[in-house]
């Protein structure tokens, strides 16, 4: 690395990382540049931003799993009520892998129901990461409920307005709009 590749931020030499954020030199190199002394350094903006996203991801594993389970129960109940088959709506997301006929498969199967649930679960965690990252901090219930409702509405709009048909959830092929509303409310 040449001298021109280094950025001096707060008196410490850093080199640009792959994302454009400064990547600190090794402790040994830092100590050599500082004349052998070791100073505590404040985290860079990129480090703080990365830790916020990693905290959001860890929190989303729990909240996304809870949302997945709650919306799965809503799917099972609505499927049982509307098409007399609880597993039918859960077969929908498996169209990502098995094609557009998958949502029309009835009954439980590993090929369609388990794969459909796995895709649904991962999508729930994806949306939960956005919720956890941008939700208001604190213990007040109303802002958190409003953020959850906004996330659910955003997920619904993206799922059914901006996503290609094959990569939609597939629930809409077996359930009515009122049932979809209940599923996204549980989400």
N, C-alpha and C. Protein backbone atom coordinates (compact mmCIF):
# COMPACT_ATOMS: atom_id res chain seq x y z
N UNK A 1 0.85 -1.16 0.00
CA UNK A 1 0.00 0.00 0.00
C UNK A 1 0.90 1.22 0.00
N UNK A 2 0.60 2.17 -0.82
CA UNK A 2 1.39 3.38 -0.88
C UNK A 2 0.84 4.40 0.09
N UNK A 3 1.63 5.42 0.33
CA UNK A 3 1.23 6.46 1.25
C UNK A 3 -0.05 7.14 0.78
N UNK A 4 -0.23 7.29 -0.54
CA UNK A 4 -1.40 7.99 -1.07
C UNK A 4 -2.69 7.18 -0.90
N UNK A 5 -2.59 5.85 -0.67
CA UNK A 5 -3.78 5.03 -0.47
C UNK A 5 -4.39 5.22 0.91
N UNK A 6 -3.63 5.79 1.83
CA UNK A 6 -4.09 5.93 3.21
C UNK A 6 -4.87 7.22 3.39
N UNK A 7 -5.85 7.15 4.26
CA UNK A 7 -6.57 8.35 4.67
C UNK A 7 -6.20 8.57 6.13
N UNK A 8 -5.97 9.80 6.50
CA UNK A 8 -5.69 10.10 7.90
C UNK A 8 -6.96 10.70 8.49
N UNK A 9 -7.62 9.91 9.35
CA UNK A 9 -8.87 10.32 9.97
C UNK A 9 -8.62 10.37 11.46
N UNK A 10 -8.75 11.52 12.04
CA UNK A 10 -8.55 11.65 13.48
C UNK A 10 -7.13 11.28 13.87
N UNK A 11 -6.16 11.47 12.98
CA UNK A 11 -4.78 11.16 13.31
C UNK A 11 -4.42 9.71 13.11
N UNK A 12 -5.34 8.87 12.67
CA UNK A 12 -5.06 7.45 12.48
C UNK A 12 -5.07 7.11 11.00
N UNK A 13 -4.14 6.29 10.60
CA UNK A 13 -4.07 5.89 9.19
C UNK A 13 -5.09 4.80 8.93
N UNK A 14 -5.85 4.96 7.87
CA UNK A 14 -6.83 3.96 7.48
C UNK A 14 -6.76 3.79 5.98
N UNK A 15 -7.17 2.65 5.50
CA UNK A 15 -7.21 2.41 4.06
C UNK A 15 -8.66 2.14 3.67
N UNK A 16 -9.06 2.50 2.45
CA UNK A 16 -10.46 2.28 2.07
C UNK A 16 -10.79 0.80 1.95
N UNK A 17 -11.95 0.43 2.47
CA UNK A 17 -12.41 -0.95 2.37
C UNK A 17 -13.21 -1.15 1.10
N UNK A 18 -13.71 -2.38 0.86
CA UNK A 18 -14.45 -2.66 -0.37
C UNK A 18 -15.75 -1.87 -0.49
N UNK A 19 -16.34 -1.49 0.65
CA UNK A 19 -17.60 -0.75 0.59
C UNK A 19 -17.38 0.75 0.55
N UNK A 20 -16.11 1.18 0.54
CA UNK A 20 -15.83 2.61 0.54
C UNK A 20 -15.63 3.16 1.92
N UNK A 21 -16.03 2.41 2.96
CA UNK A 21 -15.81 2.83 4.33
C UNK A 21 -14.33 2.61 4.66
N UNK A 22 -13.76 3.47 5.48
CA UNK A 22 -12.37 3.24 5.84
C UNK A 22 -12.21 1.96 6.64
N UNK A 23 -11.20 1.20 6.32
CA UNK A 23 -10.91 -0.04 7.02
C UNK A 23 -9.63 0.20 7.82
N UNK A 24 -9.67 0.01 9.13
CA UNK A 24 -8.49 0.30 9.93
C UNK A 24 -7.33 -0.62 9.58
N UNK A 25 -6.13 -0.07 9.68
CA UNK A 25 -4.94 -0.88 9.54
C UNK A 25 -4.84 -1.80 10.74
N UNK A 26 -3.98 -2.78 10.69
CA UNK A 26 -3.80 -3.67 11.84
C UNK A 26 -3.30 -2.88 13.03
N UNK A 27 -3.49 -3.42 14.24
CA UNK A 27 -3.02 -2.74 15.45
C UNK A 27 -1.53 -2.51 15.40
N UNK A 28 -0.81 -3.47 14.87
CA UNK A 28 0.64 -3.36 14.78
C UNK A 28 1.04 -2.18 13.88
N UNK A 29 0.36 -2.06 12.71
CA UNK A 29 0.65 -0.96 11.81
C UNK A 29 0.24 0.37 12.43
N UNK A 30 -0.91 0.40 13.11
CA UNK A 30 -1.34 1.63 13.79
C UNK A 30 -0.33 2.04 14.84
N UNK A 31 0.13 1.07 15.65
CA UNK A 31 1.09 1.37 16.70
C UNK A 31 2.40 1.89 16.10
N UNK A 32 2.83 1.31 14.98
CA UNK A 32 4.06 1.76 14.33
C UNK A 32 3.90 3.18 13.82
N UNK A 33 2.75 3.51 13.23
CA UNK A 33 2.52 4.85 12.72
C UNK A 33 2.44 5.88 13.84
N UNK A 34 1.98 5.47 15.01
CA UNK A 34 1.86 6.39 16.14
C UNK A 34 3.11 6.41 17.00
N UNK A 35 4.13 5.76 16.55
CA UNK A 35 5.37 5.77 17.32
C UNK A 35 5.34 4.77 18.47
N UNK A 36 4.60 3.71 18.33
CA UNK A 36 4.61 2.66 19.33
C UNK A 36 3.59 2.82 20.44
N UNK A 37 2.88 3.93 20.51
CA UNK A 37 1.89 4.10 21.56
C UNK A 37 0.54 3.61 21.06
N UNK A 38 -0.28 3.15 21.97
CA UNK A 38 -1.61 2.67 21.62
C UNK A 38 -2.65 3.58 22.24
N UNK A 39 -3.53 4.12 21.41
CA UNK A 39 -4.58 5.00 21.86
C UNK A 39 -5.92 4.32 21.62
N UNK A 40 -6.87 4.57 22.50
CA UNK A 40 -8.23 4.09 22.25
C UNK A 40 -8.84 4.99 21.19
N UNK A 41 -9.47 4.39 20.23
CA UNK A 41 -10.02 5.18 19.14
C UNK A 41 -11.54 5.02 19.14
N UNK A 42 -12.21 6.11 18.85
CA UNK A 42 -13.67 6.08 18.75
C UNK A 42 -14.05 5.33 17.48
N UNK A 43 -15.17 4.60 17.51
CA UNK A 43 -15.58 3.87 16.30
C UNK A 43 -15.90 4.83 15.17
N UNK A 44 -15.57 4.42 13.96
CA UNK A 44 -15.88 5.26 12.80
C UNK A 44 -17.38 5.21 12.53
N UNK A 45 -17.85 6.12 11.69
CA UNK A 45 -19.27 6.15 11.33
C UNK A 45 -19.69 4.83 10.69
N UNK A 46 -18.81 4.24 9.87
CA UNK A 46 -19.14 2.98 9.20
C UNK A 46 -19.29 1.85 10.22
N UNK A 47 -18.46 1.84 11.25
CA UNK A 47 -18.55 0.82 12.29
C UNK A 47 -19.87 0.94 13.04
N UNK A 48 -20.24 2.17 13.37
CA UNK A 48 -21.50 2.39 14.09
C UNK A 48 -22.67 1.96 13.21
N UNK A 49 -22.64 2.33 11.92
CA UNK A 49 -23.72 1.97 11.00
C UNK A 49 -23.82 0.45 10.85
N UNK A 50 -22.68 -0.22 10.73
CA UNK A 50 -22.67 -1.67 10.61
C UNK A 50 -23.23 -2.32 11.86
N UNK A 51 -22.89 -1.81 13.02
CA UNK A 51 -23.40 -2.41 14.24
C UNK A 51 -24.91 -2.20 14.37
N UNK A 52 -25.43 -1.09 13.87
CA UNK A 52 -26.89 -0.88 13.89
C UNK A 52 -27.59 -1.92 13.04
N UNK A 53 -27.05 -2.20 11.86
CA UNK A 53 -27.65 -3.20 10.98
C UNK A 53 -27.51 -4.59 11.58
N UNK A 54 -26.37 -4.90 12.19
CA UNK A 54 -26.22 -6.24 12.78
C UNK A 54 -27.14 -6.40 13.98
N UNK A 55 -27.33 -5.33 14.77
CA UNK A 55 -28.31 -5.39 15.88
C UNK A 55 -29.71 -5.59 15.33
N UNK A 56 -30.03 -4.89 14.24
CA UNK A 56 -31.36 -5.03 13.63
C UNK A 56 -31.56 -6.45 13.12
N UNK A 57 -30.52 -7.03 12.53
CA UNK A 57 -30.64 -8.40 12.02
C UNK A 57 -30.85 -9.39 13.17
N UNK A 58 -30.10 -9.23 14.26
CA UNK A 58 -30.28 -10.14 15.40
C UNK A 58 -31.68 -10.01 15.99
N UNK A 59 -32.17 -8.79 16.11
CA UNK A 59 -33.52 -8.59 16.64
C UNK A 59 -34.56 -9.14 15.66
N UNK A 60 -34.28 -9.03 14.36
CA UNK A 60 -35.23 -9.49 13.35
C UNK A 60 -35.36 -11.01 13.33
N UNK A 61 -34.34 -11.71 13.75
CA UNK A 61 -34.47 -13.17 13.83
C UNK A 61 -35.61 -13.56 14.76
N UNK A 62 -35.75 -12.83 15.85
CA UNK A 62 -36.84 -13.12 16.80
C UNK A 62 -38.17 -12.54 16.31
N UNK A 63 -38.18 -11.24 15.98
CA UNK A 63 -39.46 -10.63 15.59
C UNK A 63 -39.96 -11.18 14.26
N UNK A 64 -39.05 -11.46 13.33
CA UNK A 64 -39.46 -12.03 12.04
C UNK A 64 -39.99 -13.44 12.20
N UNK A 65 -39.38 -14.21 13.09
CA UNK A 65 -39.88 -15.57 13.36
C UNK A 65 -41.26 -15.53 14.00
N UNK A 66 -41.44 -14.59 14.92
CA UNK A 66 -42.76 -14.44 15.55
C UNK A 66 -43.81 -14.03 14.52
N UNK A 67 -43.44 -13.10 13.64
CA UNK A 67 -44.38 -12.67 12.58
C UNK A 67 -44.69 -13.82 11.63
N UNK A 68 -43.68 -14.62 11.32
CA UNK A 68 -43.88 -15.76 10.43
C UNK A 68 -44.84 -16.77 11.05
N UNK A 69 -44.64 -17.07 12.31
CA UNK A 69 -45.52 -18.04 12.99
C UNK A 69 -46.95 -17.50 13.08
N UNK A 70 -47.09 -16.23 13.47
CA UNK A 70 -48.43 -15.64 13.59
C UNK A 70 -49.16 -15.62 12.24
N UNK A 71 -48.45 -15.20 11.19
CA UNK A 71 -49.11 -15.15 9.89
C UNK A 71 -49.34 -16.55 9.32
N UNK A 72 -48.51 -17.52 9.70
CA UNK A 72 -48.75 -18.90 9.27
C UNK A 72 -50.02 -19.45 9.91
N UNK A 73 -50.24 -19.16 11.19
CA UNK A 73 -51.49 -19.58 11.82
C UNK A 73 -52.69 -18.93 11.13
N UNK A 74 -52.54 -17.65 10.75
CA UNK A 74 -53.62 -16.98 10.02
C UNK A 74 -53.85 -17.65 8.66
N UNK A 75 -52.76 -18.02 7.98
CA UNK A 75 -52.89 -18.72 6.69
C UNK A 75 -53.57 -20.07 6.85
N UNK A 76 -53.18 -20.82 7.88
CA UNK A 76 -53.79 -22.13 8.12
C UNK A 76 -55.28 -21.99 8.39
N UNK A 77 -55.64 -21.02 9.23
CA UNK A 77 -57.04 -20.82 9.59
C UNK A 77 -57.85 -20.38 8.37
N UNK A 78 -57.33 -19.41 7.62
CA UNK A 78 -58.06 -18.91 6.45
C UNK A 78 -58.15 -19.99 5.36
N UNK A 79 -57.09 -20.76 5.19
CA UNK A 79 -57.13 -21.84 4.21
C UNK A 79 -58.16 -22.90 4.58
N UNK A 80 -58.21 -23.22 5.85
CA UNK A 80 -59.20 -24.21 6.32
C UNK A 80 -60.62 -23.70 6.13
N UNK A 81 -60.81 -22.41 6.38
CA UNK A 81 -62.14 -21.80 6.29
C UNK A 81 -62.59 -21.63 4.84
N UNK A 82 -61.67 -21.23 3.95
CA UNK A 82 -62.07 -20.89 2.58
C UNK A 82 -61.98 -22.04 1.58
N UNK A 83 -60.94 -22.87 1.69
CA UNK A 83 -60.77 -23.94 0.70
C UNK A 83 -60.73 -25.31 1.35
N UNK A 84 -61.08 -25.36 2.64
CA UNK A 84 -61.14 -26.60 3.40
C UNK A 84 -59.79 -27.34 3.39
N UNK A 85 -58.71 -26.57 3.33
CA UNK A 85 -57.37 -27.15 3.34
C UNK A 85 -56.41 -26.12 3.94
N UNK A 86 -55.96 -26.36 5.16
CA UNK A 86 -55.08 -25.41 5.83
C UNK A 86 -53.73 -25.24 5.16
N UNK A 87 -53.22 -26.29 4.54
CA UNK A 87 -51.88 -26.22 3.94
C UNK A 87 -51.88 -25.54 2.58
N UNK A 88 -53.03 -25.44 1.93
CA UNK A 88 -53.08 -24.91 0.57
C UNK A 88 -52.45 -23.53 0.43
N UNK A 89 -52.77 -22.56 1.31
CA UNK A 89 -52.13 -21.25 1.14
C UNK A 89 -50.62 -21.29 1.35
N UNK A 90 -50.15 -22.17 2.22
CA UNK A 90 -48.71 -22.27 2.47
C UNK A 90 -47.95 -22.85 1.29
N UNK A 91 -48.66 -23.52 0.39
CA UNK A 91 -48.00 -24.04 -0.81
C UNK A 91 -47.65 -22.93 -1.80
N UNK A 92 -48.29 -21.78 -1.67
CA UNK A 92 -48.11 -20.68 -2.61
C UNK A 92 -46.67 -20.22 -2.81
N UNK A 93 -45.94 -19.90 -1.75
CA UNK A 93 -44.57 -19.39 -1.97
C UNK A 93 -43.64 -20.39 -2.64
N UNK A 94 -43.99 -21.67 -2.65
CA UNK A 94 -43.11 -22.64 -3.30
C UNK A 94 -43.07 -22.46 -4.81
N UNK A 95 -43.94 -21.57 -5.35
CA UNK A 95 -43.88 -21.27 -6.79
C UNK A 95 -42.56 -20.62 -7.16
N UNK A 96 -41.85 -20.06 -6.20
CA UNK A 96 -40.52 -19.50 -6.48
C UNK A 96 -39.61 -20.58 -7.04
N UNK A 97 -39.79 -21.81 -6.56
CA UNK A 97 -38.91 -22.92 -6.97
C UNK A 97 -39.60 -23.83 -7.98
N UNK A 98 -40.84 -24.21 -7.71
CA UNK A 98 -41.51 -25.24 -8.51
C UNK A 98 -42.38 -24.71 -9.64
N UNK A 99 -42.53 -23.42 -9.77
CA UNK A 99 -43.31 -22.87 -10.88
C UNK A 99 -44.71 -22.44 -10.47
N UNK A 100 -45.43 -21.87 -11.40
CA UNK A 100 -46.72 -21.24 -11.11
C UNK A 100 -47.85 -22.21 -10.79
N UNK A 101 -47.65 -23.50 -10.98
CA UNK A 101 -48.69 -24.47 -10.62
C UNK A 101 -48.67 -24.77 -9.11
N UNK A 102 -47.59 -24.47 -8.43
CA UNK A 102 -47.43 -24.84 -7.01
C UNK A 102 -48.52 -24.29 -6.09
N UNK A 103 -48.99 -23.06 -6.26
CA UNK A 103 -50.03 -22.58 -5.35
C UNK A 103 -51.35 -23.36 -5.44
N UNK A 104 -51.54 -24.06 -6.53
CA UNK A 104 -52.79 -24.80 -6.71
C UNK A 104 -52.72 -26.22 -6.17
N UNK A 105 -51.57 -26.63 -5.65
CA UNK A 105 -51.44 -27.96 -5.05
C UNK A 105 -52.15 -27.95 -3.69
N UNK A 106 -52.90 -28.98 -3.43
CA UNK A 106 -53.63 -29.07 -2.17
C UNK A 106 -52.96 -30.07 -1.26
N UNK A 107 -53.21 -29.91 0.02
CA UNK A 107 -52.69 -30.84 1.01
C UNK A 107 -51.25 -30.56 1.39
N UNK A 108 -50.84 -31.19 2.48
CA UNK A 108 -49.48 -31.03 2.98
C UNK A 108 -48.52 -31.87 2.16
N UNK A 109 -47.38 -31.29 1.81
CA UNK A 109 -46.29 -32.04 1.18
C UNK A 109 -44.98 -31.33 1.52
N UNK A 110 -43.92 -32.11 1.62
CA UNK A 110 -42.62 -31.52 1.88
C UNK A 110 -42.23 -30.62 0.70
N UNK A 111 -42.51 -31.10 -0.50
CA UNK A 111 -42.12 -30.37 -1.71
C UNK A 111 -42.74 -28.98 -1.77
N UNK A 112 -44.01 -28.86 -1.40
CA UNK A 112 -44.68 -27.56 -1.54
C UNK A 112 -44.88 -26.85 -0.20
N UNK A 113 -45.39 -27.52 0.80
CA UNK A 113 -45.74 -26.85 2.06
C UNK A 113 -44.49 -26.47 2.85
N UNK A 114 -43.55 -27.38 3.01
CA UNK A 114 -42.35 -27.08 3.80
C UNK A 114 -41.50 -26.03 3.08
N UNK A 115 -41.35 -26.18 1.78
CA UNK A 115 -40.59 -25.19 1.00
C UNK A 115 -41.31 -23.84 1.05
N UNK A 116 -42.63 -23.86 0.91
CA UNK A 116 -43.41 -22.62 0.99
C UNK A 116 -43.27 -21.94 2.33
N UNK A 117 -43.31 -22.73 3.41
CA UNK A 117 -43.13 -22.14 4.74
C UNK A 117 -41.73 -21.57 4.90
N UNK A 118 -40.71 -22.26 4.42
CA UNK A 118 -39.33 -21.77 4.53
C UNK A 118 -39.17 -20.43 3.81
N UNK A 119 -39.74 -20.32 2.62
CA UNK A 119 -39.66 -19.06 1.87
C UNK A 119 -40.42 -17.96 2.62
N UNK A 120 -41.60 -18.30 3.13
CA UNK A 120 -42.40 -17.34 3.90
C UNK A 120 -41.63 -16.88 5.14
N UNK A 121 -40.99 -17.81 5.82
CA UNK A 121 -40.24 -17.48 7.03
C UNK A 121 -39.07 -16.54 6.71
N UNK A 122 -38.32 -16.83 5.66
CA UNK A 122 -37.20 -15.98 5.27
C UNK A 122 -37.68 -14.58 4.85
N UNK A 123 -38.80 -14.52 4.16
CA UNK A 123 -39.36 -13.22 3.77
C UNK A 123 -39.79 -12.43 5.00
N UNK A 124 -40.34 -13.12 6.00
CA UNK A 124 -40.73 -12.45 7.25
C UNK A 124 -39.51 -11.86 7.94
N UNK A 125 -38.42 -12.59 7.96
CA UNK A 125 -37.19 -12.07 8.57
C UNK A 125 -36.66 -10.89 7.76
N UNK A 126 -36.73 -10.96 6.44
CA UNK A 126 -36.30 -9.84 5.60
C UNK A 126 -37.05 -8.57 5.98
N UNK A 127 -38.38 -8.65 6.06
CA UNK A 127 -39.16 -7.46 6.40
C UNK A 127 -38.94 -7.04 7.84
N UNK A 128 -38.67 -8.00 8.72
CA UNK A 128 -38.41 -7.66 10.12
C UNK A 128 -37.10 -6.90 10.27
N UNK A 129 -36.11 -7.17 9.41
CA UNK A 129 -34.86 -6.41 9.47
C UNK A 129 -35.15 -4.93 9.21
N UNK A 130 -35.96 -4.64 8.20
CA UNK A 130 -36.32 -3.25 7.92
C UNK A 130 -37.08 -2.64 9.10
N UNK A 131 -38.01 -3.40 9.66
CA UNK A 131 -38.77 -2.91 10.82
C UNK A 131 -37.84 -2.61 11.99
N UNK A 132 -36.96 -3.55 12.33
CA UNK A 132 -36.07 -3.37 13.48
C UNK A 132 -35.08 -2.24 13.27
N UNK A 133 -34.65 -2.04 12.05
CA UNK A 133 -33.66 -1.00 11.78
C UNK A 133 -34.26 0.39 11.90
N UNK A 134 -35.51 0.56 11.47
CA UNK A 134 -36.09 1.89 11.39
C UNK A 134 -37.18 2.18 12.41
N UNK A 135 -37.51 1.22 13.24
CA UNK A 135 -38.56 1.47 14.24
C UNK A 135 -38.05 2.43 15.31
N UNK A 136 -38.96 3.19 15.92
CA UNK A 136 -38.54 4.10 16.98
C UNK A 136 -38.04 3.30 18.19
N UNK A 137 -37.01 3.78 18.79
CA UNK A 137 -36.46 3.11 19.97
C UNK A 137 -37.26 3.52 21.19
N UNK A 138 -37.27 2.68 22.17
CA UNK A 138 -37.99 2.98 23.41
C UNK A 138 -39.07 1.94 23.65
N UNK A 139 -39.78 2.13 24.73
CA UNK A 139 -40.78 1.16 25.16
C UNK A 139 -42.21 1.62 24.92
N UNK A 140 -42.39 2.69 24.18
CA UNK A 140 -43.74 3.17 23.90
C UNK A 140 -44.39 2.30 22.85
N UNK A 141 -45.60 1.88 23.13
CA UNK A 141 -46.27 0.89 22.28
C UNK A 141 -46.77 1.48 20.96
N UNK A 142 -47.37 2.66 20.99
CA UNK A 142 -48.00 3.19 19.78
C UNK A 142 -47.01 3.42 18.63
N UNK A 143 -45.84 4.02 18.87
CA UNK A 143 -44.91 4.17 17.74
C UNK A 143 -44.44 2.83 17.17
N UNK A 144 -44.26 1.84 18.04
CA UNK A 144 -43.84 0.51 17.56
C UNK A 144 -44.96 -0.15 16.76
N UNK A 145 -46.21 -0.02 17.21
CA UNK A 145 -47.35 -0.59 16.49
C UNK A 145 -47.51 0.12 15.13
N UNK A 146 -47.33 1.43 15.12
CA UNK A 146 -47.43 2.18 13.87
C UNK A 146 -46.32 1.75 12.90
N UNK A 147 -45.11 1.55 13.40
CA UNK A 147 -44.01 1.09 12.55
C UNK A 147 -44.28 -0.31 12.03
N UNK A 148 -44.85 -1.17 12.86
CA UNK A 148 -45.18 -2.53 12.43
C UNK A 148 -46.26 -2.50 11.35
N UNK A 149 -47.27 -1.66 11.53
CA UNK A 149 -48.34 -1.55 10.53
C UNK A 149 -47.79 -1.00 9.22
N UNK A 150 -46.91 -0.01 9.30
CA UNK A 150 -46.29 0.54 8.09
C UNK A 150 -45.45 -0.51 7.37
N UNK A 151 -44.72 -1.31 8.13
CA UNK A 151 -43.92 -2.39 7.52
C UNK A 151 -44.81 -3.40 6.84
N UNK A 152 -45.91 -3.77 7.47
CA UNK A 152 -46.84 -4.74 6.90
C UNK A 152 -47.49 -4.21 5.62
N UNK A 153 -47.90 -2.96 5.63
CA UNK A 153 -48.51 -2.36 4.44
C UNK A 153 -47.48 -2.26 3.32
N UNK A 154 -46.26 -1.87 3.67
CA UNK A 154 -45.19 -1.80 2.66
C UNK A 154 -44.92 -3.17 2.06
N UNK A 155 -44.85 -4.20 2.91
CA UNK A 155 -44.63 -5.56 2.42
C UNK A 155 -45.75 -5.98 1.47
N UNK A 156 -46.98 -5.67 1.82
CA UNK A 156 -48.12 -6.02 0.98
C UNK A 156 -48.05 -5.32 -0.38
N UNK A 157 -47.74 -4.04 -0.36
CA UNK A 157 -47.66 -3.28 -1.62
C UNK A 157 -46.53 -3.80 -2.50
N UNK A 158 -45.36 -4.02 -1.88
CA UNK A 158 -44.23 -4.53 -2.66
C UNK A 158 -44.54 -5.92 -3.20
N UNK A 159 -45.12 -6.78 -2.36
CA UNK A 159 -45.44 -8.16 -2.77
C UNK A 159 -46.39 -8.21 -3.96
N UNK A 160 -47.40 -7.33 -3.97
CA UNK A 160 -48.45 -7.46 -4.98
C UNK A 160 -48.44 -6.39 -6.08
N UNK A 161 -47.63 -5.35 -5.94
CA UNK A 161 -47.59 -4.32 -6.97
C UNK A 161 -46.27 -4.27 -7.73
N UNK A 162 -45.17 -4.58 -7.06
CA UNK A 162 -43.86 -4.40 -7.68
C UNK A 162 -43.11 -5.71 -7.95
N UNK A 163 -43.62 -6.80 -7.45
CA UNK A 163 -42.94 -8.08 -7.60
C UNK A 163 -43.49 -8.83 -8.80
N UNK A 164 -42.64 -9.45 -9.62
CA UNK A 164 -43.14 -10.28 -10.73
C UNK A 164 -44.04 -11.40 -10.21
N UNK A 165 -45.01 -11.80 -11.00
CA UNK A 165 -46.02 -12.77 -10.55
C UNK A 165 -45.43 -14.04 -9.94
N UNK A 166 -44.40 -14.56 -10.53
CA UNK A 166 -43.83 -15.82 -10.03
C UNK A 166 -43.23 -15.65 -8.63
N UNK A 167 -42.78 -14.46 -8.29
CA UNK A 167 -42.14 -14.25 -6.99
C UNK A 167 -43.05 -13.58 -5.97
N UNK A 168 -44.34 -13.57 -6.26
CA UNK A 168 -45.32 -13.12 -5.27
C UNK A 168 -45.55 -14.25 -4.28
N UNK A 169 -46.17 -13.96 -3.14
CA UNK A 169 -46.37 -15.02 -2.14
C UNK A 169 -47.23 -16.19 -2.62
N UNK A 170 -48.15 -15.96 -3.51
CA UNK A 170 -49.00 -17.05 -3.99
C UNK A 170 -50.22 -17.29 -3.13
N UNK A 171 -50.32 -16.61 -2.00
CA UNK A 171 -51.50 -16.78 -1.12
C UNK A 171 -52.76 -16.33 -1.84
N UNK A 172 -52.62 -15.31 -2.68
CA UNK A 172 -53.77 -14.70 -3.35
C UNK A 172 -54.47 -15.66 -4.30
N UNK A 173 -53.81 -16.75 -4.66
CA UNK A 173 -54.42 -17.71 -5.58
C UNK A 173 -55.40 -18.64 -4.88
N UNK A 174 -55.34 -18.67 -3.55
CA UNK A 174 -56.24 -19.55 -2.80
C UNK A 174 -57.10 -18.82 -1.78
N UNK A 175 -56.76 -17.56 -1.48
CA UNK A 175 -57.47 -16.83 -0.43
C UNK A 175 -58.11 -15.55 -0.97
N UNK A 176 -59.17 -15.12 -0.29
CA UNK A 176 -59.86 -13.87 -0.65
C UNK A 176 -59.04 -12.68 -0.15
N UNK A 177 -59.43 -11.49 -0.62
CA UNK A 177 -58.74 -10.27 -0.18
C UNK A 177 -58.90 -10.04 1.32
N UNK A 178 -60.06 -10.36 1.87
CA UNK A 178 -60.25 -10.17 3.32
C UNK A 178 -59.33 -11.10 4.11
N UNK A 179 -59.13 -12.30 3.62
CA UNK A 179 -58.20 -13.21 4.29
C UNK A 179 -56.76 -12.72 4.15
N UNK A 180 -56.41 -12.19 2.99
CA UNK A 180 -55.06 -11.62 2.81
C UNK A 180 -54.83 -10.47 3.76
N UNK A 181 -55.86 -9.65 3.97
CA UNK A 181 -55.76 -8.55 4.92
C UNK A 181 -55.49 -9.08 6.32
N UNK A 182 -56.19 -10.13 6.70
CA UNK A 182 -55.97 -10.74 8.02
C UNK A 182 -54.55 -11.30 8.14
N UNK A 183 -54.06 -11.94 7.10
CA UNK A 183 -52.71 -12.51 7.10
C UNK A 183 -51.68 -11.41 7.25
N UNK A 184 -51.81 -10.33 6.48
CA UNK A 184 -50.84 -9.24 6.59
C UNK A 184 -50.98 -8.49 7.90
N UNK A 185 -52.17 -8.45 8.48
CA UNK A 185 -52.33 -7.85 9.81
C UNK A 185 -51.62 -8.69 10.87
N UNK A 186 -51.66 -10.01 10.72
CA UNK A 186 -50.95 -10.89 11.66
C UNK A 186 -49.45 -10.81 11.47
N UNK A 187 -49.06 -10.44 10.27
CA UNK A 187 -47.64 -10.32 9.92
C UNK A 187 -47.05 -9.13 10.62
